[in-house]
Structure formats: C-alpha cells, structure tokens
C-alpha atoms as a PDB file:
ATOM      1  CA  MET A   1     197.841 172.925   4.777  1.00  0.00           C
ATOM      2  CA  LYS A   2     197.701 169.820   2.627  1.00  0.00           C
ATOM      3  CA  GLU A   3     199.333 170.187  -0.777  1.00  0.00           C
ATOM      4  CA  SER A   4     197.833 168.352  -3.694  1.00  0.00           C
ATOM      5  CA  TYR A   5     199.389 167.987  -7.095  1.00  0.00           C
ATOM      6  CA  PHE A   6     196.384 166.170  -8.545  1.00  0.00           C
ATOM      7  CA  VAL A   7     194.005 167.909 -10.913  1.00  0.00           C
ATOM      8  CA  ASP A   8     190.397 168.072  -9.723  1.00  0.00           C
ATOM      9  CA  GLU A   9     187.289 167.432 -11.832  1.00  0.00           C
ATOM     10  CA  LYS A  10     187.372 171.022 -13.103  1.00  0.00           C
ATOM     11  CA  GLY A  11     190.973 170.774 -14.290  1.00  0.00           C
ATOM     12  CA  PHE A  12     192.452 172.858 -11.488  1.00  0.00           C
ATOM     13  CA  TYR A  13     194.859 172.048  -8.700  1.00  0.00           C
ATOM     14  CA  GLY A  14     196.363 173.554  -5.614  1.00  0.00           C
ATOM     15  CA  GLU A  15     194.818 175.569  -2.802  1.00  0.00           C
ATOM     16  CA  PHE A  16     193.675 178.399  -5.053  1.00  0.00           C
ATOM     17  CA  GLY A  17     192.939 176.422  -8.179  1.00  0.00           C
ATOM     18  CA  GLY A  18     194.454 177.835 -11.272  1.00  0.00           C
ATOM     19  CA  ALA A  19     195.545 176.587 -14.600  1.00  0.00           C
ATOM     20  CA  TYR A  20     198.881 177.217 -16.242  1.00  0.00           C
ATOM     21  CA  VAL A  21     197.481 178.484 -19.526  1.00  0.00           C
ATOM     22  CA  PRO A  22     198.545 181.734 -21.171  1.00  0.00           C
ATOM     23  CA  GLU A  23     195.745 184.273 -20.904  1.00  0.00           C
ATOM     24  CA  ILE A  24     195.426 184.593 -24.665  1.00  0.00           C
ATOM     25  CA  LEU A  25     194.654 180.849 -24.934  1.00  0.00           C
ATOM     26  CA  TYR A  26     192.314 180.574 -21.945  1.00  0.00           C
ATOM     27  CA  ALA A  27     189.019 180.964 -23.845  1.00  0.00           C
ATOM     28  CA  THR A  28     190.125 178.413 -26.432  1.00  0.00           C
ATOM     29  CA  VAL A  29     191.179 175.893 -23.787  1.00  0.00           C
ATOM     30  CA  ARG A  30     187.922 176.413 -21.881  1.00  0.00           C
ATOM     31  CA  ASN A  31     185.929 175.812 -25.066  1.00  0.00           C
ATOM     32  CA  LEU A  32     187.940 172.652 -25.709  1.00  0.00           C
ATOM     33  CA  GLN A  33     187.205 171.386 -22.180  1.00  0.00           C
ATOM     34  CA  GLU A  34     183.482 172.029 -22.544  1.00  0.00           C
ATOM     35  CA  THR A  35     183.350 170.317 -25.941  1.00  0.00           C
ATOM     36  CA  TYR A  36     185.634 167.364 -25.143  1.00  0.00           C
ATOM     37  CA  LYS A  37     184.099 166.183 -21.868  1.00  0.00           C
ATOM     38  CA  PRO A  38     180.608 165.294 -23.190  1.00  0.00           C
ATOM     39  CA  ILE A  39     182.176 163.456 -26.122  1.00  0.00           C
ATOM     40  CA  VAL A  40     184.461 161.221 -24.051  1.00  0.00           C
ATOM     41  CA  GLU A  41     181.681 160.528 -21.558  1.00  0.00           C
ATOM     42  CA  SER A  42     179.189 159.488 -24.244  1.00  0.00           C
ATOM     43  CA  ALA A  43     178.228 155.834 -24.665  1.00  0.00           C
ATOM     44  CA  GLU A  44     178.904 156.061 -28.398  1.00  0.00           C
ATOM     45  CA  PHE A  45     182.502 157.166 -27.786  1.00  0.00           C
ATOM     46  CA  LYS A  46     183.075 154.442 -25.175  1.00  0.00           C
ATOM     47  CA  GLN A  47     182.010 151.745 -27.661  1.00  0.00           C
END
C-alpha cells in the first residue's frame, strides 16, 4: 500500500479519501469549494 499525503483534485487524500472538516461545517466547505474553483480558473481572475 502506497501512502500519499498529497491532496487530490477533489481535495481528498489517503486511501479512503476523507477531509478533516467537522460535520457541521461540511456543507459550507463544499459550497466554498464549488464556488471558489471556477473563479480561480477563470481567465478574468488570472489577469
């Protein structure tokens, strides 16, 4: 079994994935991920 401590493109790491986020904050963090990614990948933001 190869261990990896690097986060993948979905923000998870390790054999089983997972994110160290308290359950009560998970929906908020997920919303932030979904909102943030398109912004930082946009051409307008990169300029």
